[in-house]
Protein backbone atom coordinates (compact mmCIF):
# COMPACT_ATOMS: atom_id res chain seq x y z
CA MET A 1 58.76 26.03 -126.51
CA ALA A 2 57.14 23.14 -125.34
CA LEU A 3 58.92 20.34 -125.49
CA ASN A 4 57.67 16.39 -126.19
CA ASP A 5 59.73 13.64 -124.56
CA LEU A 6 58.08 11.63 -127.49
CA TYR A 7 59.53 13.44 -130.32
CA ASP A 8 59.28 12.10 -133.82
CA ALA A 9 61.54 14.32 -135.82
CA ARG A 10 60.22 12.81 -139.30
CA PRO A 11 57.25 14.77 -139.75
CA VAL A 12 58.35 17.63 -138.86
CA GLN A 13 61.44 17.46 -140.66
CA GLN A 14 59.46 16.42 -143.83
CA GLU A 15 57.73 19.73 -143.71
CA THR A 16 61.08 21.34 -143.89
CA ALA A 17 61.79 19.52 -147.23
CA VAL A 18 58.16 20.45 -148.94
CA GLY A 19 58.89 24.14 -147.97
CA ALA A 20 62.40 23.66 -149.64
CA GLY A 21 61.19 21.78 -152.55
CA VAL A 22 58.13 24.81 -152.73
CA GLN A 23 61.03 26.94 -153.02
CA LEU A 24 62.63 25.41 -155.71
CA LEU A 25 59.70 25.15 -157.84
CA LEU A 26 59.02 28.75 -157.44
CA LEU A 27 62.29 29.28 -158.75
CA ALA A 28 62.05 27.23 -162.17
CA LEU A 29 58.67 29.37 -162.57
CA LEU A 30 60.47 32.72 -161.90
CA GLY A 31 63.45 31.36 -164.35
CA THR A 32 61.20 29.55 -167.11
CA ALA A 33 58.98 33.13 -166.94
CA ILE A 34 61.68 36.14 -166.80
CA GLY A 35 64.79 33.88 -168.01
CA MET A 36 66.76 34.53 -164.97
CA GLY A 37 70.07 34.88 -165.12
CA PRO A 38 72.85 32.82 -163.40
CA ALA A 39 73.37 35.21 -160.66
CA GLY A 40 69.33 34.69 -159.86
CA TRP A 41 69.38 30.96 -159.78
CA LEU A 42 72.82 30.85 -157.37
CA THR A 43 71.36 32.84 -155.17
CA GLY A 44 67.70 31.53 -155.05
CA LEU A 45 69.48 28.12 -154.41
CA VAL A 46 71.77 29.30 -151.54
CA PHE A 47 68.85 30.65 -149.79
CA ALA A 48 66.80 27.14 -150.34
CA PHE A 49 69.31 25.28 -148.63
CA ALA A 50 70.51 27.78 -145.76
CA THR A 51 66.84 28.30 -145.18
CA TRP A 52 66.51 24.50 -145.20
CA ALA A 53 70.16 23.50 -142.98
CA VAL A 54 69.39 26.41 -140.54
CA LEU A 55 65.56 25.35 -139.98
CA SER A 56 66.23 21.42 -139.32
CA ARG A 57 69.02 21.90 -137.14
CA ALA A 58 66.99 24.55 -134.95
CA LEU A 59 63.74 22.01 -135.21
CA HIS A 60 66.01 18.96 -134.10
CA ARG A 61 67.93 21.24 -131.17
CA THR A 62 64.12 22.57 -130.01
CA ARG A 63 62.42 19.08 -130.57
CA PRO A 64 58.79 20.37 -131.09
CA ARG A 65 55.90 17.75 -131.16
CA SER A 66 54.91 19.85 -134.72
CA PHE A 67 55.74 22.26 -137.47
CA GLY A 68 52.60 24.54 -136.26
CA PRO A 69 50.31 26.16 -138.20
CA ALA A 70 51.96 29.86 -137.59
CA ASN A 71 55.45 28.25 -139.18
CA ARG A 72 53.64 27.22 -142.00
CA VAL A 73 52.61 30.76 -142.97
CA THR A 74 56.10 31.48 -141.53
CA LEU A 75 57.57 28.94 -144.18
CA GLY A 76 55.47 30.22 -147.02
CA ARG A 77 56.50 33.64 -146.65
CA ALA A 78 60.41 32.68 -146.04
CA ILE A 79 59.69 30.89 -149.74
CA LEU A 80 58.90 34.24 -151.17
CA VAL A 81 61.38 36.34 -149.61
CA GLY A 82 63.38 33.74 -151.03
CA ALA A 83 61.85 34.42 -154.87
CA VAL A 84 62.42 37.86 -154.10
CA THR A 85 66.50 37.67 -153.26
CA ALA A 86 66.72 35.61 -156.24
CA LEU A 87 65.20 38.51 -158.89
CA VAL A 88 67.26 41.23 -156.51
CA ALA A 89 70.70 38.81 -157.52
CA ASP A 90 69.35 38.84 -160.79
CA SER A 91 68.59 42.48 -161.12
CA PHE A 92 72.18 43.26 -161.06
CA GLN A 93 72.33 42.07 -164.52
CA SER A 94 69.13 43.06 -165.52
CA PRO A 95 65.97 44.56 -163.62
CA PRO A 96 63.21 42.55 -162.70
CA PRO A 97 59.44 42.79 -163.84
CA LEU A 98 58.24 45.37 -161.41
CA THR A 99 55.29 44.24 -160.94
CA LEU A 100 56.10 40.41 -160.26
CA PHE A 101 58.68 41.93 -158.01
CA VAL A 102 56.16 44.20 -156.00
CA GLY A 103 53.58 41.65 -155.81
CA LEU A 104 55.79 39.02 -154.27
CA THR A 105 57.08 41.44 -151.97
CA ALA A 106 53.69 42.63 -150.68
CA VAL A 107 52.30 39.53 -150.37
CA ALA A 108 55.27 38.81 -147.86
CA LEU A 109 54.69 41.89 -146.07
CA ILE A 110 51.17 41.14 -145.70
CA LEU A 111 51.24 37.46 -144.14
CA ASP A 112 53.83 39.16 -141.60
CA GLY A 113 50.78 40.03 -139.73
CA VAL A 114 49.29 36.53 -139.99
CA ASP A 115 51.79 34.66 -138.80
CA GLY A 116 51.62 36.14 -135.50
CA LYS A 117 47.68 35.93 -135.29
CA VAL A 118 47.87 32.57 -136.32
CA ALA A 119 49.89 31.70 -133.29
CA ARG A 120 48.02 33.41 -130.80
CA ARG A 121 44.73 31.90 -131.80
CA THR A 122 45.73 28.53 -131.86
CA GLY A 123 47.60 28.21 -128.81
CA THR A 124 51.35 28.04 -130.85
CA SER A 125 53.21 30.11 -130.15
CA THR A 126 56.99 29.66 -129.48
CA PRO A 127 60.23 30.95 -129.04
CA LEU A 128 61.84 29.19 -132.38
CA GLY A 129 58.33 30.12 -134.09
CA ALA A 130 58.96 34.17 -132.62
CA ARG A 131 62.70 33.64 -133.86
CA PHE A 132 62.05 32.03 -137.35
CA ASP A 133 59.48 35.44 -138.33
CA MET A 134 62.00 37.58 -136.71
CA GLU A 135 64.56 36.16 -138.96
CA VAL A 136 62.46 35.93 -142.51
CA ASP A 137 61.88 39.72 -141.78
CA ALA A 138 64.98 40.98 -141.34
CA PHE A 139 66.36 39.00 -144.08
CA LEU A 140 63.48 40.80 -146.32
CA ILE A 141 64.63 44.23 -144.79
CA LEU A 142 67.76 43.64 -145.89
CA VAL A 143 67.50 42.66 -149.28
CA LEU A 144 65.12 45.47 -150.16
CA SER A 145 67.26 47.64 -148.72
CA VAL A 146 70.30 46.53 -151.86
CA TYR A 147 67.61 46.63 -153.98
CA VAL A 148 66.71 50.25 -153.23
CA SER A 149 70.16 51.11 -152.60
CA MET A 150 71.42 50.53 -156.67
CA ALA A 151 68.70 53.24 -157.06
CA LEU A 152 69.70 55.49 -154.34
CA GLY A 153 73.23 55.09 -153.01
CA ALA A 154 74.73 52.60 -150.49
CA TRP A 155 73.09 54.01 -147.30
CA VAL A 156 70.03 52.85 -147.28
CA LEU A 157 71.94 49.83 -146.50
CA LEU A 158 71.98 51.19 -143.15
CA ILE A 159 68.70 50.13 -142.88
CA GLY A 160 69.24 46.39 -143.77
CA GLY A 161 72.10 46.39 -141.90
CA MET A 162 71.17 47.46 -138.75
CA ARG A 163 69.73 44.66 -137.34
CA TYR A 164 72.91 42.30 -137.83
CA ALA A 165 74.87 45.29 -136.73
CA PHE A 166 73.13 45.03 -133.27
CA VAL A 167 73.73 41.25 -133.31
CA ALA A 168 77.53 41.18 -134.02
CA ALA A 169 77.63 44.19 -131.34
CA ALA A 170 75.36 41.85 -128.81
CA ARG A 171 78.67 39.44 -129.29
CA ARG A 172 81.04 42.29 -127.81
CA TRP A 173 78.92 43.25 -125.19
CA PRO A 174 76.35 41.04 -123.44
CA TRP A 175 74.40 43.19 -122.20
CA LEU A 176 72.98 43.77 -125.19
CA ASN A 177 71.08 40.60 -124.91
CA ALA A 178 68.93 41.31 -122.15
CA PRO A 179 65.40 40.99 -122.94
CA LEU A 180 63.41 44.17 -123.73
CA PRO A 181 60.03 45.39 -122.63
CA PRO A 182 57.17 45.02 -125.08
CA SER A 183 56.69 48.29 -127.21
CA THR A 184 54.33 49.15 -129.59
CA ALA A 185 56.92 51.93 -131.19
CA ARG A 186 59.52 49.19 -131.49
CA LYS A 187 57.15 46.87 -133.57
CA THR A 188 55.71 49.81 -135.61
CA VAL A 189 59.11 50.91 -136.54
CA ALA A 190 59.87 47.36 -137.58
CA ALA A 191 56.71 47.00 -139.35
CA VAL A 192 57.07 50.10 -141.93
CA GLN A 193 60.58 49.34 -142.61
CA GLY A 194 59.68 46.70 -145.12
CA VAL A 195 56.57 49.12 -146.44
CA PHE A 196 58.77 52.37 -146.67
CA LEU A 197 61.07 50.21 -148.93
CA LEU A 198 58.97 48.51 -150.87
CA VAL A 199 57.43 52.23 -151.60
CA ALA A 200 60.50 53.03 -152.96
CA ALA A 201 61.28 50.18 -154.96
CA SER A 202 58.38 50.38 -156.79
CA ASP A 203 59.37 53.84 -158.31
CA LEU A 204 55.94 55.18 -158.06
CA LEU A 205 57.03 58.93 -156.39
CA PRO A 206 59.72 60.92 -157.68
CA ARG A 207 62.99 60.22 -156.96
CA PRO A 208 63.41 63.19 -154.37
CA ALA A 209 60.45 62.09 -152.56
CA THR A 210 61.48 58.40 -152.74
CA ALA A 211 64.87 59.09 -150.89
CA GLY A 212 62.37 61.28 -148.27
CA VAL A 213 60.29 58.32 -147.23
CA VAL A 214 63.55 56.15 -147.38
CA LEU A 215 65.02 59.05 -145.16
CA VAL A 216 62.09 58.86 -142.44
CA ALA A 217 62.16 55.13 -142.33
CA LEU A 218 66.28 55.30 -141.52
CA GLY A 219 65.75 57.75 -139.29
CA ALA A 220 62.60 55.76 -137.35
CA LEU A 221 65.41 52.84 -137.24
CA VAL A 222 67.91 54.96 -135.94
CA TRP A 223 65.49 55.97 -133.17
CA SER A 224 64.26 52.86 -132.06
CA PHE A 225 67.28 51.15 -132.20
CA GLY A 226 69.08 53.82 -129.91
CA ARG A 227 66.16 54.04 -127.64
CA ASP A 228 66.55 50.25 -127.04
CA VAL A 229 70.33 50.46 -126.45
CA VAL A 230 70.18 53.15 -124.65
CA TRP A 231 67.81 51.21 -121.97
CA LEU A 232 69.65 48.14 -122.34
CA TRP A 233 73.01 50.19 -121.03
CA ARG A 234 70.76 51.83 -118.23
CA ARG A 235 69.97 48.60 -116.94
CA SER A 236 73.38 47.12 -117.14
CA ARG A 237 74.89 49.63 -114.87
CA PRO A 238 74.86 48.90 -111.12
CA ARG A 239 72.10 50.84 -109.60
CA ALA A 240 73.34 53.60 -107.05
CA ASP A 241 71.24 52.41 -104.23
CA ALA A 242 72.65 48.48 -104.43
CA VAL A 243 74.13 47.46 -101.06
CA PRO A 244 77.58 46.29 -102.01
CA PRO A 245 78.03 42.44 -101.79
CA GLN A 246 81.15 42.78 -99.30
CA GLN A 247 78.57 45.31 -96.91
CA VAL A 248 75.80 42.57 -97.44
CA LEU A 249 78.52 40.11 -95.93
CA GLN A 250 79.13 42.71 -93.07
CA THR A 251 75.94 43.51 -91.87
CA SER A 252 74.74 39.56 -91.70
CA ALA A 253 77.71 38.86 -89.76
CA ARG A 254 76.54 41.41 -87.19
């Protein structure tokens, strides 16, 4: 991310505060409309505070000149994801209105394809923006997998937990942190996870078909992660034709 030496944190931090305020307003509207219980309220409030705190810290560390239009779109998505998270938490006590749940989730998924285009067209693509977008995506998939698992079983949680398991594994094996080459297949697999889980959550299909859709999503995700892990592992191995450092020193000394 391009940094600005003349950094004024106030305008950037004000945007994150506005985002938190909009999140609270949306929670209030949902709570009034559907009579959301304590679990939904508490989860929504924790999500709003955590998003504000983590994003504010990241902005302070990276010191961007402005928040940027693409990040505003992603922040809007995060607000919708917070509402979906509150509804899922509340669903342990009573099922959410399906139309409302599907509508909020669908808009969040549609906007996933907007923020990247905005960033490219405005020339405001940044590592922070890409990370922000990825974390919002990953958390929405996790929340949707929790919701679908209540109907299909705990195995669905593998979809939402796989990315976090990969991050945890990278702390143990640093070679997993190496950058991956661009891949259309990886992006496609990641994009369809939310769509397939939303189809499963919408209760449009018979139960066997719903389970089949989620199994296809899980299989594609396992294949995508597995392919990347194998590529990273091979990249981390020493090349067979590499010259040992000691031999290099001996050769240069002759």
